Protein backbone atom coordinates (compact mmCIF):
# COMPACT_ATOMS: atom_id res chain seq x y z
CA UNK A 1 38.56 84.49 102.66
CA UNK A 2 40.32 83.41 105.83
CA UNK A 3 43.27 85.66 106.70
CA UNK A 4 46.80 84.43 106.18
CA UNK A 5 48.28 82.48 109.11
CA UNK A 6 49.82 84.65 111.79
CA UNK A 7 52.96 82.52 111.94
CA UNK A 8 53.56 81.12 108.44
CA UNK A 9 56.23 78.49 107.98
CA UNK A 10 58.98 79.29 105.49
CA UNK A 11 58.04 77.85 102.12
CA UNK A 12 59.79 77.43 98.79
CA UNK A 13 58.10 78.23 95.49
CA UNK A 14 55.89 75.13 95.71
CA UNK A 15 55.08 75.63 99.40
CA UNK A 16 56.60 72.22 100.24
CA UNK A 17 57.82 71.62 103.81
CA UNK A 18 61.44 70.64 103.48
CA UNK A 19 63.07 68.05 105.68
CA UNK A 20 64.46 70.53 108.20
CA UNK A 21 61.12 72.37 108.53
CA UNK A 22 59.31 69.06 109.01
CA UNK A 23 61.47 68.11 111.97
CA UNK A 24 61.17 71.63 113.40
CA UNK A 25 57.37 71.28 113.43
CA UNK A 26 57.56 67.75 114.82
CA UNK A 27 59.98 68.87 117.56
CA UNK A 28 57.69 71.77 118.46
CA UNK A 29 54.75 69.37 118.75
CA UNK A 30 56.66 66.97 121.00
CA UNK A 31 58.00 69.75 123.22
CA UNK A 32 54.60 71.35 123.65
CA UNK A 33 53.07 67.97 124.49
CA UNK A 34 55.64 67.38 127.24
CA UNK A 35 54.90 70.74 128.88
CA UNK A 36 51.46 69.88 130.15
CA UNK A 37 49.57 70.63 126.93
CA UNK A 38 46.49 68.75 128.14
CA UNK A 39 45.79 71.32 130.86
CA UNK A 40 44.42 73.95 128.44
CA UNK A 41 40.79 74.97 128.85
CA UNK A 42 38.36 73.66 126.24
CA UNK A 43 36.74 77.11 126.08
CA UNK A 44 39.98 78.87 125.12
CA UNK A 45 39.86 80.67 121.79
CA UNK A 46 41.83 78.80 119.07
CA UNK A 47 45.41 80.03 118.92
CA UNK A 48 46.60 82.15 115.98
CA UNK A 49 43.30 81.67 114.16
CA UNK A 50 41.93 85.10 113.31
CA UNK A 51 38.84 83.96 111.42
CA UNK A 52 35.63 85.91 111.07
CA UNK A 53 32.97 85.69 113.76
CA UNK A 54 29.63 84.64 112.33
CA UNK A 55 28.06 81.90 110.24
CA UNK A 56 28.50 81.32 106.51
CA UNK A 57 27.41 78.61 104.12
CA UNK A 58 29.90 76.47 102.23
CA UNK A 59 29.72 73.49 99.93
CA UNK A 60 31.86 70.33 99.92
CA UNK A 61 33.18 69.10 96.57
CA UNK A 62 31.85 65.62 97.31
CA UNK A 63 28.44 67.03 96.36
CA UNK A 64 29.61 67.37 92.76
CA UNK A 65 32.49 64.88 92.48
CA UNK A 66 31.10 61.99 94.49
CA UNK A 67 33.81 59.62 95.73
CA UNK A 68 35.63 59.38 92.43
CA UNK A 69 38.89 61.02 91.46
CA UNK A 70 37.81 63.55 88.85
CA UNK A 71 40.46 66.19 89.68
CA UNK A 72 37.56 68.36 90.91
CA UNK A 73 36.45 69.09 87.36
CA UNK A 74 32.72 68.55 88.12
CA UNK A 75 32.97 70.88 91.12
CA UNK A 76 34.51 73.70 89.10
CA UNK A 77 31.88 73.18 86.42
CA UNK A 78 28.86 73.15 88.76
CA UNK A 79 29.60 75.25 91.86
CA UNK A 80 30.09 78.56 89.98
CA UNK A 81 26.52 78.10 88.70
CA UNK A 82 25.21 78.14 92.30
CA UNK A 83 25.19 80.93 94.92
CA UNK A 84 27.90 79.13 96.95
CA UNK A 85 31.24 80.93 97.20
CA UNK A 86 32.93 79.02 100.06
CA UNK A 87 34.26 75.56 99.15
CA UNK A 88 35.58 72.59 101.12
CA UNK A 89 37.86 70.39 99.02
CA UNK A 90 37.98 66.62 99.50
CA UNK A 91 41.55 65.40 98.93
CA UNK A 92 41.37 61.62 98.98
CA UNK A 93 43.78 60.60 96.22
CA UNK A 94 47.59 60.78 96.02
CA UNK A 95 47.68 63.16 93.07
CA UNK A 96 45.43 65.65 94.89
CA UNK A 97 47.79 66.31 97.80
CA UNK A 98 50.88 67.36 95.83
CA UNK A 99 52.04 70.99 95.91
CA UNK A 100 51.49 71.39 92.18
CA UNK A 101 47.90 70.17 92.46
CA UNK A 102 47.20 72.65 95.26
CA UNK A 103 48.63 75.38 93.02
CA UNK A 104 46.13 74.32 90.35
CA UNK A 105 43.26 74.41 92.86
CA UNK A 106 44.26 77.90 93.92
CA UNK A 107 44.40 79.12 90.32
CA UNK A 108 41.04 77.57 89.48
CA UNK A 109 39.46 79.07 92.62
CA UNK A 110 40.75 82.51 91.67
CA UNK A 111 39.41 82.15 88.15
CA UNK A 112 35.99 80.96 89.37
CA UNK A 113 35.88 83.51 92.22
CA UNK A 114 35.53 80.75 94.81
CA UNK A 115 37.00 80.81 98.31
CA UNK A 116 38.63 77.61 99.66
CA UNK A 117 37.74 77.34 103.36
CA UNK A 118 38.80 73.82 104.34
CA UNK A 119 40.37 70.56 103.21
CA UNK A 120 39.24 67.05 104.05
CA UNK A 121 41.91 64.38 103.96
CA UNK A 122 41.77 60.63 104.39
CA UNK A 123 40.98 59.29 107.84
CA UNK A 124 43.08 58.98 110.96
CA UNK A 125 44.58 55.57 111.60
CA UNK A 126 47.86 53.77 112.04
CA UNK A 127 49.06 50.67 113.86
CA UNK A 128 52.24 50.75 115.90
CA UNK A 129 54.96 53.38 115.92
CA UNK A 130 55.50 53.23 112.16
CA UNK A 131 51.78 53.62 111.45
CA UNK A 132 51.46 56.58 113.80
CA UNK A 133 54.48 58.31 112.25
CA UNK A 134 53.02 57.87 108.76
CA UNK A 135 49.65 59.20 109.86
CA UNK A 136 51.21 62.19 111.62
CA UNK A 137 53.34 62.91 108.56
CA UNK A 138 50.26 62.88 106.35
CA UNK A 139 48.42 65.31 108.62
CA UNK A 140 51.41 67.66 108.90
CA UNK A 141 51.78 67.67 105.12
CA UNK A 142 48.11 68.55 104.70
CA UNK A 143 48.51 71.41 107.17
CA UNK A 144 51.09 72.79 104.79
CA UNK A 145 48.77 72.26 101.81
CA UNK A 146 46.03 74.04 103.72
CA UNK A 147 48.33 76.99 104.32
CA UNK A 148 49.38 76.97 100.67
CA UNK A 149 45.75 77.18 99.56
CA UNK A 150 45.01 79.99 102.01
CA UNK A 151 42.65 78.27 104.43
CA UNK A 152 42.93 77.13 108.04
CA UNK A 153 40.65 74.13 108.46
CA UNK A 154 41.54 70.44 108.12
CA UNK A 155 38.89 67.76 108.51
CA UNK A 156 39.32 64.03 109.10
CA UNK A 157 37.17 61.09 110.11
CA UNK A 158 38.47 58.00 111.90
CA UNK A 159 38.86 54.44 110.66
CA UNK A 160 36.28 51.69 110.98
CA UNK A 161 35.84 50.71 114.61
CA UNK A 162 38.23 47.97 115.71
CA UNK A 163 40.82 48.75 113.03
CA UNK A 164 43.87 50.99 112.49
CA UNK A 165 44.70 51.44 116.17
CA UNK A 166 41.33 52.86 117.21
CA UNK A 167 41.05 55.92 119.44
CA UNK A 168 44.49 55.32 120.95
CA UNK A 169 46.11 55.91 117.57
CA UNK A 170 44.12 59.11 116.97
CA UNK A 171 45.07 60.43 120.41
CA UNK A 172 48.74 59.60 119.84
CA UNK A 173 48.73 61.57 116.57
CA UNK A 174 46.76 64.49 118.02
CA UNK A 175 49.21 64.85 120.92
CA UNK A 176 51.88 65.75 118.36
CA UNK A 177 49.62 67.43 115.82
CA UNK A 178 47.73 69.81 118.09
CA UNK A 179 50.70 71.97 119.20
CA UNK A 180 51.79 72.27 115.57
CA UNK A 181 48.26 73.35 114.63
CA UNK A 182 48.36 76.01 117.34
CA UNK A 183 51.69 77.31 116.08
CA UNK A 184 50.49 77.42 112.45
CA UNK A 185 47.03 78.77 113.23
CA UNK A 186 45.15 75.71 111.96
CA UNK A 187 41.97 74.00 113.14
CA UNK A 188 41.89 70.19 113.25
CA UNK A 189 38.29 69.02 112.78
CA UNK A 190 37.25 65.53 113.89
CA UNK A 191 34.21 64.44 111.87
CA UNK A 192 31.83 61.83 113.24
CA UNK A 193 30.98 58.94 110.94
CA UNK A 194 28.62 55.99 111.24
CA UNK A 195 30.31 52.64 112.03
CA UNK A 196 33.52 54.50 112.72
CA UNK A 197 35.74 54.98 115.74
CA UNK A 198 34.52 58.62 115.77
CA UNK A 199 30.82 57.85 116.05
CA UNK A 200 29.35 58.50 119.48
CA UNK A 201 29.48 61.00 122.31
CA UNK A 202 31.69 58.73 124.42
CA UNK A 203 34.25 58.55 121.59
CA UNK A 204 34.68 62.32 121.68
CA UNK A 205 34.67 62.31 125.47
CA UNK A 206 37.66 59.96 125.36
CA UNK A 207 39.57 62.18 122.93
CA UNK A 208 38.74 65.56 124.46
CA UNK A 209 39.69 64.30 127.92
CA UNK A 210 43.21 63.71 126.59
CA UNK A 211 43.36 66.51 123.97
CA UNK A 212 41.97 69.83 125.16
CA UNK A 213 43.65 72.08 122.62
CA UNK A 214 41.34 74.87 121.44
CA UNK A 215 42.59 74.17 117.90
CA UNK A 216 41.17 70.63 117.92
CA UNK A 217 37.43 70.20 117.86
CA UNK A 218 34.35 68.49 116.55
CA UNK A 219 33.10 68.61 112.99
CA UNK A 220 29.46 67.84 113.72
CA UNK A 221 27.93 65.85 110.86
CA UNK A 222 24.15 65.83 111.28
CA UNK A 223 23.53 62.84 109.02
CA UNK A 224 26.08 60.54 110.59
CA UNK A 225 24.89 61.26 114.15
CA UNK A 226 21.25 60.74 113.13
CA UNK A 227 22.28 57.58 111.28
CA UNK A 228 23.48 55.98 114.53
CA UNK A 229 20.59 57.46 116.54
CA UNK A 230 22.68 59.96 118.49
CA UNK A 231 20.68 63.05 119.47
CA UNK A 232 21.96 66.27 117.90
CA UNK A 233 20.67 68.13 120.96
CA UNK A 234 22.71 65.90 123.26
CA UNK A 235 25.82 66.47 121.16
CA UNK A 236 25.43 70.25 121.26
CA UNK A 237 24.68 70.28 124.96
CA UNK A 238 27.85 68.31 125.64
CA UNK A 239 30.23 69.70 123.03
CA UNK A 240 28.96 73.12 121.95
CA UNK A 241 32.24 74.74 123.00
CA UNK A 242 34.21 72.17 120.98
CA UNK A 243 32.06 72.38 117.83
CA UNK A 244 34.21 74.17 115.24
CA UNK A 245 32.60 73.03 111.97
CA UNK A 246 29.19 71.70 110.91
CA UNK A 247 28.31 69.40 108.01
CA UNK A 248 24.66 69.45 106.97
CA UNK A 249 23.11 66.22 105.68
CA UNK A 250 19.54 65.00 105.70
CA UNK A 251 19.12 61.40 106.87
CA UNK A 252 16.54 58.91 105.61
CA UNK A 253 15.93 57.27 109.00
CA UNK A 254 17.36 57.58 112.49
CA UNK A 255 19.48 54.60 113.39
CA UNK A 256 19.60 53.34 109.80
CA UNK A 257 23.29 54.05 109.25
CA UNK A 258 24.74 56.48 106.74
CA UNK A 259 21.87 57.05 104.30
CA UNK A 260 21.92 60.57 102.89
CA UNK A 261 18.87 61.88 101.04
CA UNK A 262 17.99 65.14 99.31
CA UNK A 263 17.32 67.92 101.83
CA UNK A 264 13.70 68.01 102.88
CA UNK A 265 13.02 64.34 102.16
CA UNK A 266 14.57 62.91 105.34
CA UNK A 267 13.97 63.06 109.09
CA UNK A 268 16.52 65.65 110.26
CA UNK A 269 14.92 68.55 112.14
CA UNK A 270 17.14 71.35 110.85
CA UNK A 271 15.01 74.16 112.30
CA UNK A 272 15.53 72.91 115.85
CA UNK A 273 19.17 72.05 115.30
CA UNK A 274 20.08 75.42 113.79
CA UNK A 275 18.13 77.26 116.48
CA UNK A 276 20.18 75.42 119.10
CA UNK A 277 23.42 76.24 117.25
CA UNK A 278 22.47 79.91 117.39
CA UNK A 279 21.64 79.61 121.10
CA UNK A 280 25.13 78.29 121.75
CA UNK A 281 26.61 81.13 119.65
CA UNK A 282 28.18 78.87 117.07
CA UNK A 283 30.63 80.64 114.78
CA UNK A 284 31.93 78.96 111.64
CA UNK A 285 30.70 77.31 108.47
CA UNK A 286 27.58 75.34 107.67
CA UNK A 287 28.84 72.97 104.97
CA UNK A 288 26.42 71.37 102.54
CA UNK A 289 27.79 67.83 102.26
CA UNK A 290 25.52 65.52 100.30
CA UNK A 291 27.68 62.41 100.22
CA UNK A 292 26.82 59.92 97.49
CA UNK A 293 29.02 57.69 95.37
CA UNK A 294 27.71 59.64 92.41
CA UNK A 295 25.78 62.94 92.62
CA UNK A 296 22.02 62.63 92.33
CA UNK A 297 20.21 64.52 89.61
CA UNK A 298 18.87 67.11 89.19
CA UNK A 299 22.08 68.18 90.95
CA UNK A 300 22.09 71.90 90.19
CA UNK A 301 18.46 72.23 91.19
CA UNK A 302 19.09 70.35 94.46
CA UNK A 303 22.13 72.48 95.36
CA UNK A 304 20.32 75.74 94.66
CA UNK A 305 17.40 74.53 96.79
CA UNK A 306 19.80 73.69 99.64
CA UNK A 307 21.27 77.18 99.49
CA UNK A 308 17.81 78.74 99.67
CA UNK A 309 16.85 76.48 102.59
CA UNK A 310 19.84 77.45 104.75
CA UNK A 311 20.86 80.93 103.55
CA UNK A 312 18.80 82.71 106.20
CA UNK A 313 21.03 81.15 108.88
CA UNK A 314 24.06 83.05 107.65
CA UNK A 315 25.16 86.09 109.62
CA UNK A 316 27.25 89.15 108.80
CA UNK A 317 30.95 88.84 109.43
CA UNK A 318 32.04 90.45 112.70
């Protein structure tokens, strides 16, 4: 399990950020941004994040829950029957981001002997000052939920290209969010997605030119890059030092959009990709993320096969 944050925020019994704490975090973010925050080196170790060094497998709850709001019941029924112990929770519905719901997740993880390692919230996006404030508020609240659950990683995609303020909106939010993430010891993970404002190498170039915090980086999704015919080798060559999280998906065809298939039935060359990750000394999680509206059967058999396929790429904790 990830260690507790080095600088925890004061929390009440439900771990809710109160109004004063919220403005303290927001003020810290603004102050840090005005002090030349963008001059930090991209190779700098993330601040206040004392995670393990090595590679471990994890599973995303979307594999079991699909895109529906099932209060994670399928995940807690299925995942304990697999070898997976590390879990990424998808929190895409209002009831799933309340303090009481996070308390229930924590209790269920303890009972099932599962380790929460990251949360995925709804995408970046907001138009105008009001939209950016709402988006920033959502991300700050999820940082608190992440801390409450005992993990350090928050993952988000962007909105559909041409909507919700585009890259400018994401950059505006990250300028305030990144210093707060550094102070709280959190990682902000930007996941690529087909037909999305976070889709291609140049999209990340634009963001990382403006936001060079070591606590903000790429969540490299193999299936979504393959789906828009972006070379995984090119991504690693360009952004290996900014790759903080990896989602594993097999893709039916290159350039065919988001079309996830069962591992081993698509075109993704995982052997080459994982060998390159090792060459670049990647440290973090390899997350099995088979994203379908509804899980494909035989689900348990497929998940166990995925674990066997990738388990040899795990490394001892350092």
